[in-house]
Amino acid sequence: MKNWTFHDGQTVNRLGLGAMRLTGQPGNWGPYPDKQRAARVFRLAAEMGVNFIDTAISYGAGHSEMLIAEILHPYPKG
């Protein structure tokens, strides 16, 4: 994968993983109903080298960020 380097020197892959669908239903708001399925997707993405995950407050009022943090912890160095 090609990389992108920010002004602060942090480098991420240009190909990222969008977390928009990692929210509850209906209307994409609230906690995701299948935590184990989400864990499989995000762990596989990390194994494949994805180190950029797109999240936004509009993707479920912080639920996706909390779930991603729980799934991917402990974080690798760097």
N, C-alpha and C. Protein backbone atom coordinates (compact mmCIF):
# COMPACT_ATOMS: atom_id res chain seq x y z
N MET A 1 0.83 -1.18 0.00
CA MET A 1 0.00 0.00 0.00
C MET A 1 0.87 1.25 0.00
N LYS A 2 0.41 2.26 -0.66
CA LYS A 2 1.12 3.53 -0.63
C LYS A 2 0.78 4.25 0.67
N ASN A 3 1.70 5.09 1.12
CA ASN A 3 1.53 5.79 2.39
C ASN A 3 1.35 7.28 2.21
N TRP A 4 0.81 7.90 3.23
CA TRP A 4 0.66 9.35 3.30
C TRP A 4 1.31 9.79 4.59
N THR A 5 2.16 10.81 4.54
CA THR A 5 2.83 11.32 5.73
C THR A 5 2.29 12.70 6.05
N PHE A 6 1.83 12.87 7.28
CA PHE A 6 1.33 14.16 7.74
C PHE A 6 2.48 15.09 8.10
N HIS A 7 2.17 16.35 8.31
CA HIS A 7 3.19 17.34 8.65
C HIS A 7 3.93 17.00 9.95
N ASP A 8 3.27 16.29 10.85
CA ASP A 8 3.92 15.94 12.11
C ASP A 8 4.79 14.68 12.00
N GLY A 9 4.86 14.10 10.79
CA GLY A 9 5.69 12.94 10.56
C GLY A 9 4.97 11.60 10.68
N GLN A 10 3.73 11.60 11.15
CA GLN A 10 2.97 10.36 11.26
C GLN A 10 2.60 9.86 9.87
N THR A 11 2.79 8.57 9.64
CA THR A 11 2.52 7.97 8.33
C THR A 11 1.36 6.98 8.45
N VAL A 12 0.44 7.05 7.51
CA VAL A 12 -0.67 6.09 7.45
C VAL A 12 -0.80 5.59 6.02
N ASN A 13 -1.43 4.44 5.86
CA ASN A 13 -1.71 3.92 4.53
C ASN A 13 -2.79 4.77 3.87
N ARG A 14 -2.66 4.96 2.57
CA ARG A 14 -3.68 5.72 1.84
C ARG A 14 -5.02 4.99 1.83
N LEU A 15 -4.98 3.68 1.87
CA LEU A 15 -6.20 2.90 1.91
C LEU A 15 -6.61 2.72 3.36
N GLY A 16 -7.78 3.21 3.70
CA GLY A 16 -8.27 3.11 5.06
C GLY A 16 -9.54 2.29 5.13
N LEU A 17 -10.07 2.18 6.33
CA LEU A 17 -11.30 1.44 6.57
C LEU A 17 -12.34 2.40 7.10
N GLY A 18 -13.45 2.49 6.43
CA GLY A 18 -14.54 3.36 6.86
C GLY A 18 -15.38 2.70 7.93
N ALA A 19 -15.67 3.43 8.99
CA ALA A 19 -16.42 2.88 10.12
C ALA A 19 -17.89 3.32 10.13
N MET A 20 -18.36 3.87 9.03
CA MET A 20 -19.73 4.38 9.01
C MET A 20 -20.76 3.32 9.33
N ARG A 21 -20.56 2.10 8.87
CA ARG A 21 -21.56 1.05 9.09
C ARG A 21 -21.39 0.35 10.44
N LEU A 22 -20.46 0.82 11.24
CA LEU A 22 -20.22 0.22 12.56
C LEU A 22 -21.08 0.93 13.61
N THR A 23 -22.34 1.04 13.32
CA THR A 23 -23.27 1.69 14.24
C THR A 23 -24.56 0.90 14.26
N GLY A 24 -25.43 1.27 15.17
CA GLY A 24 -26.69 0.57 15.32
C GLY A 24 -27.70 0.92 14.24
N GLN A 25 -28.78 0.25 14.29
CA GLN A 25 -29.87 0.47 13.35
C GLN A 25 -31.13 0.78 14.16
N PRO A 26 -32.11 1.44 13.70
CA PRO A 26 -32.19 2.09 12.40
C PRO A 26 -31.50 3.45 12.41
N GLY A 27 -31.22 3.96 11.26
CA GLY A 27 -30.68 5.30 11.11
C GLY A 27 -29.23 5.46 11.48
N ASN A 28 -28.49 4.34 11.59
CA ASN A 28 -27.06 4.43 11.89
C ASN A 28 -26.77 5.24 13.15
N TRP A 29 -27.47 4.93 14.23
CA TRP A 29 -27.23 5.65 15.48
C TRP A 29 -27.25 4.67 16.62
N GLY A 30 -26.28 4.74 17.49
CA GLY A 30 -26.24 3.86 18.65
C GLY A 30 -25.23 2.74 18.47
N PRO A 31 -25.19 1.82 19.44
CA PRO A 31 -24.20 0.75 19.40
C PRO A 31 -24.47 -0.27 18.29
N TYR A 32 -23.39 -0.85 17.78
CA TYR A 32 -23.48 -1.87 16.75
C TYR A 32 -24.03 -3.15 17.37
N PRO A 33 -24.98 -3.82 16.72
CA PRO A 33 -25.63 -4.98 17.34
C PRO A 33 -24.80 -6.26 17.37
N ASP A 34 -23.74 -6.39 16.55
CA ASP A 34 -22.98 -7.64 16.48
C ASP A 34 -21.50 -7.35 16.72
N LYS A 35 -21.13 -7.27 17.98
CA LYS A 35 -19.76 -6.92 18.37
C LYS A 35 -18.73 -7.93 17.86
N GLN A 36 -19.06 -9.21 17.85
CA GLN A 36 -18.11 -10.24 17.40
C GLN A 36 -17.83 -10.10 15.90
N ARG A 37 -18.84 -9.80 15.13
CA ARG A 37 -18.64 -9.60 13.69
C ARG A 37 -17.76 -8.38 13.43
N ALA A 38 -18.02 -7.31 14.14
CA ALA A 38 -17.21 -6.11 14.00
C ALA A 38 -15.76 -6.40 14.37
N ALA A 39 -15.56 -7.16 15.42
CA ALA A 39 -14.20 -7.50 15.85
C ALA A 39 -13.46 -8.27 14.76
N ARG A 40 -14.13 -9.21 14.12
CA ARG A 40 -13.48 -9.98 13.04
C ARG A 40 -13.05 -9.06 11.90
N VAL A 41 -13.92 -8.14 11.52
CA VAL A 41 -13.62 -7.23 10.41
C VAL A 41 -12.43 -6.33 10.75
N PHE A 42 -12.43 -5.73 11.92
CA PHE A 42 -11.37 -4.78 12.26
C PHE A 42 -10.05 -5.47 12.56
N ARG A 43 -10.09 -6.64 13.14
CA ARG A 43 -8.83 -7.37 13.36
C ARG A 43 -8.23 -7.83 12.03
N LEU A 44 -9.06 -8.28 11.11
CA LEU A 44 -8.57 -8.67 9.80
C LEU A 44 -7.97 -7.47 9.07
N ALA A 45 -8.63 -6.34 9.14
CA ALA A 45 -8.10 -5.13 8.51
C ALA A 45 -6.74 -4.78 9.09
N ALA A 46 -6.59 -4.84 10.40
CA ALA A 46 -5.30 -4.54 11.03
C ALA A 46 -4.24 -5.54 10.59
N GLU A 47 -4.60 -6.82 10.50
CA GLU A 47 -3.65 -7.84 10.03
C GLU A 47 -3.21 -7.57 8.59
N MET A 48 -4.09 -6.98 7.79
CA MET A 48 -3.78 -6.69 6.39
C MET A 48 -3.00 -5.38 6.24
N GLY A 49 -2.72 -4.70 7.34
CA GLY A 49 -1.91 -3.49 7.28
C GLY A 49 -2.68 -2.18 7.30
N VAL A 50 -3.99 -2.25 7.45
CA VAL A 50 -4.76 -1.01 7.54
C VAL A 50 -4.43 -0.32 8.86
N ASN A 51 -4.00 0.93 8.78
CA ASN A 51 -3.70 1.69 9.99
C ASN A 51 -4.38 3.07 9.97
N PHE A 52 -5.38 3.20 9.11
CA PHE A 52 -6.18 4.42 9.05
C PHE A 52 -7.65 4.01 9.06
N ILE A 53 -8.37 4.44 10.09
CA ILE A 53 -9.79 4.14 10.21
C ILE A 53 -10.55 5.45 10.25
N ASP A 54 -11.48 5.60 9.32
CA ASP A 54 -12.29 6.81 9.22
C ASP A 54 -13.48 6.70 10.16
N THR A 55 -13.56 7.61 11.12
CA THR A 55 -14.70 7.68 12.01
C THR A 55 -15.21 9.12 12.04
N ALA A 56 -16.43 9.29 12.51
CA ALA A 56 -17.01 10.62 12.64
C ALA A 56 -18.12 10.57 13.67
N ILE A 57 -18.36 11.68 14.34
CA ILE A 57 -19.41 11.73 15.36
C ILE A 57 -20.77 11.37 14.76
N SER A 58 -20.94 11.65 13.48
CA SER A 58 -22.22 11.33 12.84
C SER A 58 -22.38 9.84 12.58
N TYR A 59 -21.37 9.03 12.89
CA TYR A 59 -21.45 7.59 12.70
C TYR A 59 -21.93 6.87 13.96
N GLY A 60 -22.64 7.55 14.83
CA GLY A 60 -23.20 6.86 15.98
C GLY A 60 -22.86 7.44 17.33
N ALA A 61 -22.63 8.74 17.39
CA ALA A 61 -22.43 9.44 18.67
C ALA A 61 -21.31 8.85 19.52
N GLY A 62 -20.20 8.46 18.88
CA GLY A 62 -19.05 7.94 19.61
C GLY A 62 -19.04 6.44 19.82
N HIS A 63 -20.13 5.76 19.49
CA HIS A 63 -20.18 4.31 19.71
C HIS A 63 -19.15 3.58 18.85
N SER A 64 -18.96 4.00 17.61
CA SER A 64 -17.99 3.30 16.75
C SER A 64 -16.58 3.48 17.29
N GLU A 65 -16.24 4.67 17.76
CA GLU A 65 -14.90 4.91 18.29
C GLU A 65 -14.63 4.06 19.53
N MET A 66 -15.61 3.96 20.40
CA MET A 66 -15.44 3.15 21.61
C MET A 66 -15.27 1.67 21.26
N LEU A 67 -16.04 1.19 20.30
CA LEU A 67 -15.95 -0.21 19.89
C LEU A 67 -14.62 -0.50 19.21
N ILE A 68 -14.17 0.39 18.35
CA ILE A 68 -12.87 0.21 17.68
C ILE A 68 -11.74 0.18 18.71
N ALA A 69 -11.78 1.09 19.67
CA ALA A 69 -10.76 1.11 20.72
C ALA A 69 -10.74 -0.20 21.50
N GLU A 70 -11.91 -0.71 21.83
CA GLU A 70 -12.00 -1.96 22.56
C GLU A 70 -11.49 -3.14 21.73
N ILE A 71 -11.85 -3.18 20.46
CA ILE A 71 -11.46 -4.28 19.59
C ILE A 71 -9.95 -4.32 19.35
N LEU A 72 -9.36 -3.18 19.09
CA LEU A 72 -7.95 -3.13 18.67
C LEU A 72 -6.95 -2.97 19.83
N HIS A 73 -7.43 -2.81 21.04
CA HIS A 73 -6.53 -2.67 22.19
C HIS A 73 -5.97 -4.04 22.56
N PRO A 74 -4.74 -4.21 22.91
CA PRO A 74 -3.68 -3.20 23.02
C PRO A 74 -3.14 -2.82 21.66
N TYR A 75 -2.78 -1.58 21.52
CA TYR A 75 -2.32 -1.05 20.25
C TYR A 75 -0.85 -1.38 19.99
N PRO A 76 -0.50 -1.67 18.76
CA PRO A 76 0.92 -1.91 18.45
C PRO A 76 1.70 -0.61 18.56
N LYS A 77 2.98 -0.72 18.82
CA LYS A 77 3.84 0.47 18.91
C LYS A 77 3.91 1.13 17.54
N GLY A 78 3.99 2.46 17.56
CA GLY A 78 4.12 3.21 16.31
C GLY A 78 2.78 3.57 15.82
